[in-house]
């Protein structure tokens, strides 16, 4: 019984905003920091579906706290800190991922210096000074095709009409770009087929498919 008690693991449930805080920490020089707020996610803690630029990276005190912790651990490179921000403003670390992350496009669009500095350092180039205004204070991210995984988990207040929230973000779809618009159409057509195959109340999927 004592051995079983030692095997128990207790974790605290943390409510609040879902935030990602990104760092490029060079071996020498100034860190580049960016943040986003996650609004919708695939079930089971999988990929982010809707996100927007946050302002956490503008909080010098918060940034300094996490940067000091990372540097004290001897870390350098890129890292994504997954945080929950309570109603009182306290940020709680969920995990740290020392790698590139799924909804990377928002960072590419809104904070080009972060990845540019990481690449320059990796290639042995001098990290260029960050120009003023290089980090945008607004920006959206959407992965429409990811909604096919099932009912999303909404962080914060669940919208009354989830489809309307998706529509507002549709123009920011990760694949709706000159070099990937075909993938965007492919995913939207697939989602339409999936919707038509879903059963209505009292009917099986096979019944729905036979009537198409």
C-alpha atoms as a PDB file:
ATOM      1  CA  UNK A   1       0.000   0.000   0.000  1.00  0.00           C
ATOM      2  CA  UNK A   2       2.870   2.361   0.782  1.00  0.00           C
ATOM      3  CA  UNK A   3       4.472   1.637  -2.603  1.00  0.00           C
ATOM      4  CA  UNK A   4       1.168   2.404  -4.328  1.00  0.00           C
ATOM      5  CA  UNK A   5       0.928   5.732  -2.489  1.00  0.00           C
ATOM      6  CA  UNK A   6       4.432   6.676  -3.620  1.00  0.00           C
ATOM      7  CA  UNK A   7       3.394   6.018  -7.236  1.00  0.00           C
ATOM      8  CA  UNK A   8       0.601   8.599  -7.112  1.00  0.00           C
ATOM      9  CA  UNK A   9       1.112  11.851  -8.967  1.00  0.00           C
ATOM     10  CA  UNK A  10      -0.925  14.918  -8.095  1.00  0.00           C
ATOM     11  CA  UNK A  11      -1.194  17.851 -10.507  1.00  0.00           C
ATOM     12  CA  UNK A  12      -2.851  21.200 -10.078  1.00  0.00           C
ATOM     13  CA  UNK A  13      -5.550  22.214 -12.524  1.00  0.00           C
ATOM     14  CA  UNK A  14      -4.720  25.695 -13.796  1.00  0.00           C
ATOM     15  CA  UNK A  15      -7.463  27.780 -15.365  1.00  0.00           C
ATOM     16  CA  UNK A  16      -6.743  30.854 -17.463  1.00  0.00           C
ATOM     17  CA  UNK A  17      -5.609  32.093 -20.843  1.00  0.00           C
ATOM     18  CA  UNK A  18      -3.573  29.708 -22.984  1.00  0.00           C
ATOM     19  CA  UNK A  19      -0.373  31.508 -23.996  1.00  0.00           C
ATOM     20  CA  UNK A  20       2.804  30.596 -25.847  1.00  0.00           C
ATOM     21  CA  UNK A  21       5.915  32.642 -25.081  1.00  0.00           C
ATOM     22  CA  UNK A  22       8.689  32.188 -27.647  1.00  0.00           C
ATOM     23  CA  UNK A  23      12.365  32.987 -27.228  1.00  0.00           C
ATOM     24  CA  UNK A  24      15.410  33.034 -29.412  1.00  0.00           C
ATOM     25  CA  UNK A  25      18.226  33.115 -26.902  1.00  0.00           C
ATOM     26  CA  UNK A  26      21.555  33.574 -28.683  1.00  0.00           C
ATOM     27  CA  UNK A  27      24.777  32.536 -26.989  1.00  0.00           C
ATOM     28  CA  UNK A  28      25.693  36.213 -26.943  1.00  0.00           C
ATOM     29  CA  UNK A  29      23.478  39.214 -27.381  1.00  0.00           C
ATOM     30  CA  UNK A  30      19.913  40.232 -26.866  1.00  0.00           C
ATOM     31  CA  UNK A  31      17.021  37.769 -26.845  1.00  0.00           C
ATOM     32  CA  UNK A  32      14.108  38.095 -29.275  1.00  0.00           C
ATOM     33  CA  UNK A  33      10.730  37.335 -27.716  1.00  0.00           C
ATOM     34  CA  UNK A  34       7.217  36.887 -29.086  1.00  0.00           C
ATOM     35  CA  UNK A  35       3.906  35.611 -27.724  1.00  0.00           C
ATOM     36  CA  UNK A  36       0.537  34.359 -28.898  1.00  0.00           C
ATOM     37  CA  UNK A  37      -2.799  33.542 -27.299  1.00  0.00           C
ATOM     38  CA  UNK A  38      -4.417  30.264 -28.298  1.00  0.00           C
ATOM     39  CA  UNK A  39      -8.177  30.428 -28.760  1.00  0.00           C
ATOM     40  CA  UNK A  40      -9.108  26.988 -30.112  1.00  0.00           C
ATOM     41  CA  UNK A  41      -7.300  23.663 -30.168  1.00  0.00           C
ATOM     42  CA  UNK A  42      -7.928  20.145 -31.417  1.00  0.00           C
ATOM     43  CA  UNK A  43      -9.324  17.734 -28.813  1.00  0.00           C
ATOM     44  CA  UNK A  44      -6.820  15.842 -26.708  1.00  0.00           C
ATOM     45  CA  UNK A  45      -4.367  18.731 -26.495  1.00  0.00           C
ATOM     46  CA  UNK A  46      -3.341  18.439 -30.129  1.00  0.00           C
ATOM     47  CA  UNK A  47      -2.750  21.187 -32.700  1.00  0.00           C
ATOM     48  CA  UNK A  48      -3.736  24.825 -32.267  1.00  0.00           C
ATOM     49  CA  UNK A  49      -6.541  25.882 -34.618  1.00  0.00           C
ATOM     50  CA  UNK A  50      -7.074  29.586 -33.882  1.00  0.00           C
ATOM     51  CA  UNK A  51      -4.624  32.006 -32.299  1.00  0.00           C
ATOM     52  CA  UNK A  52      -3.763  35.683 -32.202  1.00  0.00           C
ATOM     53  CA  UNK A  53      -0.787  37.832 -31.272  1.00  0.00           C
ATOM     54  CA  UNK A  54      -0.600  38.400 -27.510  1.00  0.00           C
ATOM     55  CA  UNK A  55       1.132  41.178 -25.586  1.00  0.00           C
ATOM     56  CA  UNK A  56       2.977  39.087 -23.019  1.00  0.00           C
ATOM     57  CA  UNK A  57       6.320  39.663 -24.754  1.00  0.00           C
ATOM     58  CA  UNK A  58       5.867  43.388 -24.041  1.00  0.00           C
ATOM     59  CA  UNK A  59       5.854  42.730 -20.287  1.00  0.00           C
ATOM     60  CA  UNK A  60       9.513  43.327 -19.435  1.00  0.00           C
ATOM     61  CA  UNK A  61       9.211  41.879 -15.953  1.00  0.00           C
ATOM     62  CA  UNK A  62       7.581  38.655 -17.127  1.00  0.00           C
ATOM     63  CA  UNK A  63      10.065  38.227 -19.970  1.00  0.00           C
ATOM     64  CA  UNK A  64      13.036  38.820 -17.669  1.00  0.00           C
ATOM     65  CA  UNK A  65      11.769  36.176 -15.226  1.00  0.00           C
ATOM     66  CA  UNK A  66      11.587  33.440 -17.853  1.00  0.00           C
ATOM     67  CA  UNK A  67      14.736  34.529 -19.669  1.00  0.00           C
ATOM     68  CA  UNK A  68      16.718  34.434 -16.423  1.00  0.00           C
ATOM     69  CA  UNK A  69      15.411  30.932 -15.714  1.00  0.00           C
ATOM     70  CA  UNK A  70      16.384  29.693 -19.178  1.00  0.00           C
ATOM     71  CA  UNK A  71      19.849  31.232 -19.064  1.00  0.00           C
ATOM     72  CA  UNK A  72      20.416  29.861 -15.550  1.00  0.00           C
ATOM     73  CA  UNK A  73      19.761  26.405 -17.008  1.00  0.00           C
ATOM     74  CA  UNK A  74      22.410  27.062 -19.683  1.00  0.00           C
ATOM     75  CA  UNK A  75      19.869  27.109 -22.498  1.00  0.00           C
ATOM     76  CA  UNK A  76      20.363  28.824 -25.850  1.00  0.00           C
ATOM     77  CA  UNK A  77      18.453  28.521 -29.105  1.00  0.00           C
ATOM     78  CA  UNK A  78      14.695  28.634 -29.718  1.00  0.00           C
ATOM     79  CA  UNK A  79      12.132  27.557 -27.160  1.00  0.00           C
ATOM     80  CA  UNK A  80       8.369  27.739 -26.761  1.00  0.00           C
ATOM     81  CA  UNK A  81       7.039  28.106 -23.223  1.00  0.00           C
ATOM     82  CA  UNK A  82       3.457  26.951 -22.826  1.00  0.00           C
ATOM     83  CA  UNK A  83       1.852  29.044 -20.092  1.00  0.00           C
ATOM     84  CA  UNK A  84      -1.475  29.508 -18.396  1.00  0.00           C
ATOM     85  CA  UNK A  85      -2.200  33.005 -17.193  1.00  0.00           C
ATOM     86  CA  UNK A  86      -4.537  33.174 -14.211  1.00  0.00           C
ATOM     87  CA  UNK A  87      -7.078  35.937 -13.758  1.00  0.00           C
ATOM     88  CA  UNK A  88      -4.682  37.750 -11.407  1.00  0.00           C
ATOM     89  CA  UNK A  89      -2.014  37.867 -14.133  1.00  0.00           C
ATOM     90  CA  UNK A  90       0.250  35.142 -12.727  1.00  0.00           C
ATOM     91  CA  UNK A  91       1.730  32.903 -15.430  1.00  0.00           C
ATOM     92  CA  UNK A  92       2.155  29.200 -14.704  1.00  0.00           C
ATOM     93  CA  UNK A  93       4.517  27.097 -16.809  1.00  0.00           C
ATOM     94  CA  UNK A  94       2.921  23.975 -18.309  1.00  0.00           C
ATOM     95  CA  UNK A  95       5.911  22.846 -20.363  1.00  0.00           C
ATOM     96  CA  UNK A  96       8.915  24.104 -22.306  1.00  0.00           C
ATOM     97  CA  UNK A  97       9.518  22.854 -25.848  1.00  0.00           C
ATOM     98  CA  UNK A  98      13.061  23.521 -27.146  1.00  0.00           C
ATOM     99  CA  UNK A  99      12.075  23.159 -30.792  1.00  0.00           C
ATOM    100  CA  UNK A 100       9.997  24.756 -33.514  1.00  0.00           C
ATOM    101  CA  UNK A 101       6.248  24.562 -32.850  1.00  0.00           C
ATOM    102  CA  UNK A 102       3.052  23.809 -34.778  1.00  0.00           C
ATOM    103  CA  UNK A 103       1.441  27.259 -35.325  1.00  0.00           C
ATOM    104  CA  UNK A 104       4.811  28.697 -36.371  1.00  0.00           C
ATOM    105  CA  UNK A 105       3.334  30.764 -39.196  1.00  0.00           C
ATOM    106  CA  UNK A 106       2.016  33.410 -36.821  1.00  0.00           C
ATOM    107  CA  UNK A 107       5.541  34.024 -35.541  1.00  0.00           C
ATOM    108  CA  UNK A 108       6.900  34.050 -39.097  1.00  0.00           C
ATOM    109  CA  UNK A 109       4.353  36.689 -40.073  1.00  0.00           C
ATOM    110  CA  UNK A 110       4.345  38.860 -36.962  1.00  0.00           C
ATOM    111  CA  UNK A 111       7.892  38.460 -35.620  1.00  0.00           C
ATOM    112  CA  UNK A 112      10.330  37.794 -38.489  1.00  0.00           C
ATOM    113  CA  UNK A 113      13.441  38.719 -36.427  1.00  0.00           C
ATOM    114  CA  UNK A 114      13.021  35.705 -34.117  1.00  0.00           C
ATOM    115  CA  UNK A 115      13.611  33.013 -36.709  1.00  0.00           C
ATOM    116  CA  UNK A 116      15.921  35.198 -38.772  1.00  0.00           C
ATOM    117  CA  UNK A 117      18.191  35.637 -35.765  1.00  0.00           C
ATOM    118  CA  UNK A 118      18.114  31.925 -35.007  1.00  0.00           C
ATOM    119  CA  UNK A 119      19.057  31.036 -38.600  1.00  0.00           C
ATOM    120  CA  UNK A 120      21.814  33.653 -38.712  1.00  0.00           C
ATOM    121  CA  UNK A 121      23.315  32.347 -35.493  1.00  0.00           C
ATOM    122  CA  UNK A 122      23.099  28.735 -36.685  1.00  0.00           C
ATOM    123  CA  UNK A 123      24.899  29.660 -39.920  1.00  0.00           C
ATOM    124  CA  UNK A 124      27.577  31.589 -38.071  1.00  0.00           C
ATOM    125  CA  UNK A 125      26.454  34.973 -39.300  1.00  0.00           C
ATOM    126  CA  UNK A 126      26.367  38.089 -37.180  1.00  0.00           C
ATOM    127  CA  UNK A 127      22.903  38.565 -35.705  1.00  0.00           C
ATOM    128  CA  UNK A 128      21.623  41.837 -37.132  1.00  0.00           C
ATOM    129  CA  UNK A 129      20.093  44.499 -34.924  1.00  0.00           C
ATOM    130  CA  UNK A 130      16.316  44.362 -34.763  1.00  0.00           C
ATOM    131  CA  UNK A 131      14.736  47.373 -36.505  1.00  0.00           C
ATOM    132  CA  UNK A 132      12.098  49.373 -34.666  1.00  0.00           C
ATOM    133  CA  UNK A 133       8.584  48.124 -35.279  1.00  0.00           C
ATOM    134  CA  UNK A 134       9.770  44.740 -36.521  1.00  0.00           C
ATOM    135  CA  UNK A 135       7.327  42.883 -34.253  1.00  0.00           C
ATOM    136  CA  UNK A 136       3.660  43.386 -35.070  1.00  0.00           C
ATOM    137  CA  UNK A 137       1.178  43.934 -32.268  1.00  0.00           C
ATOM    138  CA  UNK A 138      -1.652  42.326 -34.231  1.00  0.00           C
ATOM    139  CA  UNK A 139      -1.979  39.150 -36.238  1.00  0.00           C
ATOM    140  CA  UNK A 140      -4.108  36.031 -36.571  1.00  0.00           C
ATOM    141  CA  UNK A 141      -3.557  32.326 -37.168  1.00  0.00           C
ATOM    142  CA  UNK A 142      -6.036  29.754 -38.427  1.00  0.00           C
ATOM    143  CA  UNK A 143      -5.824  26.125 -39.529  1.00  0.00           C
ATOM    144  CA  UNK A 144      -9.261  25.416 -40.965  1.00  0.00           C
ATOM    145  CA  UNK A 145      -8.487  21.851 -41.973  1.00  0.00           C
ATOM    146  CA  UNK A 146      -7.675  20.957 -38.390  1.00  0.00           C
ATOM    147  CA  UNK A 147     -11.310  21.340 -37.354  1.00  0.00           C
ATOM    148  CA  UNK A 148     -11.995  18.000 -39.056  1.00  0.00           C
ATOM    149  CA  UNK A 149     -10.453  16.290 -35.998  1.00  0.00           C
ATOM    150  CA  UNK A 150     -13.627  16.853 -33.992  1.00  0.00           C
ATOM    151  CA  UNK A 151     -15.191  19.420 -31.700  1.00  0.00           C
ATOM    152  CA  UNK A 152     -12.448  21.857 -30.697  1.00  0.00           C
ATOM    153  CA  UNK A 153     -11.451  22.822 -27.200  1.00  0.00           C
ATOM    154  CA  UNK A 154     -12.070  26.556 -26.756  1.00  0.00           C
ATOM    155  CA  UNK A 155      -9.752  28.393 -24.396  1.00  0.00           C
ATOM    156  CA  UNK A 156     -11.580  31.045 -22.445  1.00  0.00           C
ATOM    157  CA  UNK A 157     -15.210  31.750 -23.256  1.00  0.00           C
ATOM    158  CA  UNK A 158     -16.649  29.381 -25.832  1.00  0.00           C
ATOM    159  CA  UNK A 159     -18.258  31.358 -28.663  1.00  0.00           C
ATOM    160  CA  UNK A 160     -21.976  30.856 -29.146  1.00  0.00           C
ATOM    161  CA  UNK A 161     -21.379  30.221 -32.835  1.00  0.00           C
ATOM    162  CA  UNK A 162     -18.068  28.481 -33.388  1.00  0.00           C
ATOM    163  CA  UNK A 163     -18.479  28.562 -37.161  1.00  0.00           C
ATOM    164  CA  UNK A 164     -18.668  32.362 -37.037  1.00  0.00           C
ATOM    165  CA  UNK A 165     -15.379  32.552 -35.130  1.00  0.00           C
ATOM    166  CA  UNK A 166     -13.820  30.305 -37.759  1.00  0.00           C
ATOM    167  CA  UNK A 167     -15.164  32.536 -40.514  1.00  0.00           C
ATOM    168  CA  UNK A 168     -13.614  35.639 -38.926  1.00  0.00           C
ATOM    169  CA  UNK A 169     -10.220  33.935 -38.982  1.00  0.00           C
ATOM    170  CA  UNK A 170     -10.547  32.225 -42.381  1.00  0.00           C
ATOM    171  CA  UNK A 171      -8.491  34.843 -44.241  1.00  0.00           C
ATOM    172  CA  UNK A 172      -5.556  34.024 -41.944  1.00  0.00           C
ATOM    173  CA  UNK A 173      -5.562  30.307 -42.807  1.00  0.00           C
ATOM    174  CA  UNK A 174      -2.056  28.898 -42.785  1.00  0.00           C
ATOM    175  CA  UNK A 175      -2.533  27.433 -46.282  1.00  0.00           C
ATOM    176  CA  UNK A 176      -4.351  30.379 -47.881  1.00  0.00           C
ATOM    177  CA  UNK A 177      -1.184  31.698 -49.511  1.00  0.00           C
ATOM    178  CA  UNK A 178       0.172  31.948 -53.065  1.00  0.00           C
ATOM    179  CA  UNK A 179       2.362  28.851 -52.671  1.00  0.00           C
ATOM    180  CA  UNK A 180      -0.119  26.625 -50.811  1.00  0.00           C
ATOM    181  CA  UNK A 181      -3.671  27.616 -51.819  1.00  0.00           C
ATOM    182  CA  UNK A 182      -4.203  24.212 -53.464  1.00  0.00           C
ATOM    183  CA  UNK A 183      -3.734  22.560 -50.080  1.00  0.00           C
ATOM    184  CA  UNK A 184      -6.243  25.019 -48.635  1.00  0.00           C
ATOM    185  CA  UNK A 185      -8.847  23.977 -51.248  1.00  0.00           C
ATOM    186  CA  UNK A 186      -8.037  20.310 -50.712  1.00  0.00           C
ATOM    187  CA  UNK A 187      -8.691  20.584 -46.989  1.00  0.00           C
ATOM    188  CA  UNK A 188     -11.899  22.576 -47.424  1.00  0.00           C
ATOM    189  CA  UNK A 189     -13.258  20.053 -49.945  1.00  0.00           C
ATOM    190  CA  UNK A 190     -12.359  17.232 -47.577  1.00  0.00           C
ATOM    191  CA  UNK A 191     -14.137  18.963 -44.710  1.00  0.00           C
ATOM    192  CA  UNK A 192     -17.240  19.401 -46.862  1.00  0.00           C
ATOM    193  CA  UNK A 193     -17.247  15.686 -47.711  1.00  0.00           C
ATOM    194  CA  UNK A 194     -16.829  14.790 -44.033  1.00  0.00           C
ATOM    195  CA  UNK A 195     -19.764  17.025 -43.065  1.00  0.00           C
ATOM    196  CA  UNK A 196     -22.010  15.406 -45.664  1.00  0.00           C
ATOM    197  CA  UNK A 197     -21.125  11.962 -44.320  1.00  0.00           C
ATOM    198  CA  UNK A 198     -21.925  12.779 -40.711  1.00  0.00           C
ATOM    199  CA  UNK A 199     -25.126  11.144 -39.477  1.00  0.00           C
ATOM    200  CA  UNK A 200     -28.207  13.131 -38.605  1.00  0.00           C
ATOM    201  CA  UNK A 201     -30.106  12.357 -35.427  1.00  0.00           C
ATOM    202  CA  UNK A 202     -31.437   8.805 -35.484  1.00  0.00           C
ATOM    203  CA  UNK A 203     -29.492   7.743 -38.597  1.00  0.00           C
ATOM    204  CA  UNK A 204     -26.259   5.792 -38.906  1.00  0.00           C
ATOM    205  CA  UNK A 205     -23.255   6.992 -40.951  1.00  0.00           C
ATOM    206  CA  UNK A 206     -24.054   4.266 -43.497  1.00  0.00           C
ATOM    207  CA  UNK A 207     -27.596   5.617 -43.950  1.00  0.00           C
ATOM    208  CA  UNK A 208     -26.267   9.149 -44.489  1.00  0.00           C
ATOM    209  CA  UNK A 209     -23.691   7.948 -47.021  1.00  0.00           C
ATOM    210  CA  UNK A 210     -26.247   5.953 -49.003  1.00  0.00           C
ATOM    211  CA  UNK A 211     -28.372   9.072 -49.583  1.00  0.00           C
ATOM    212  CA  UNK A 212     -25.568  11.195 -51.032  1.00  0.00           C
END
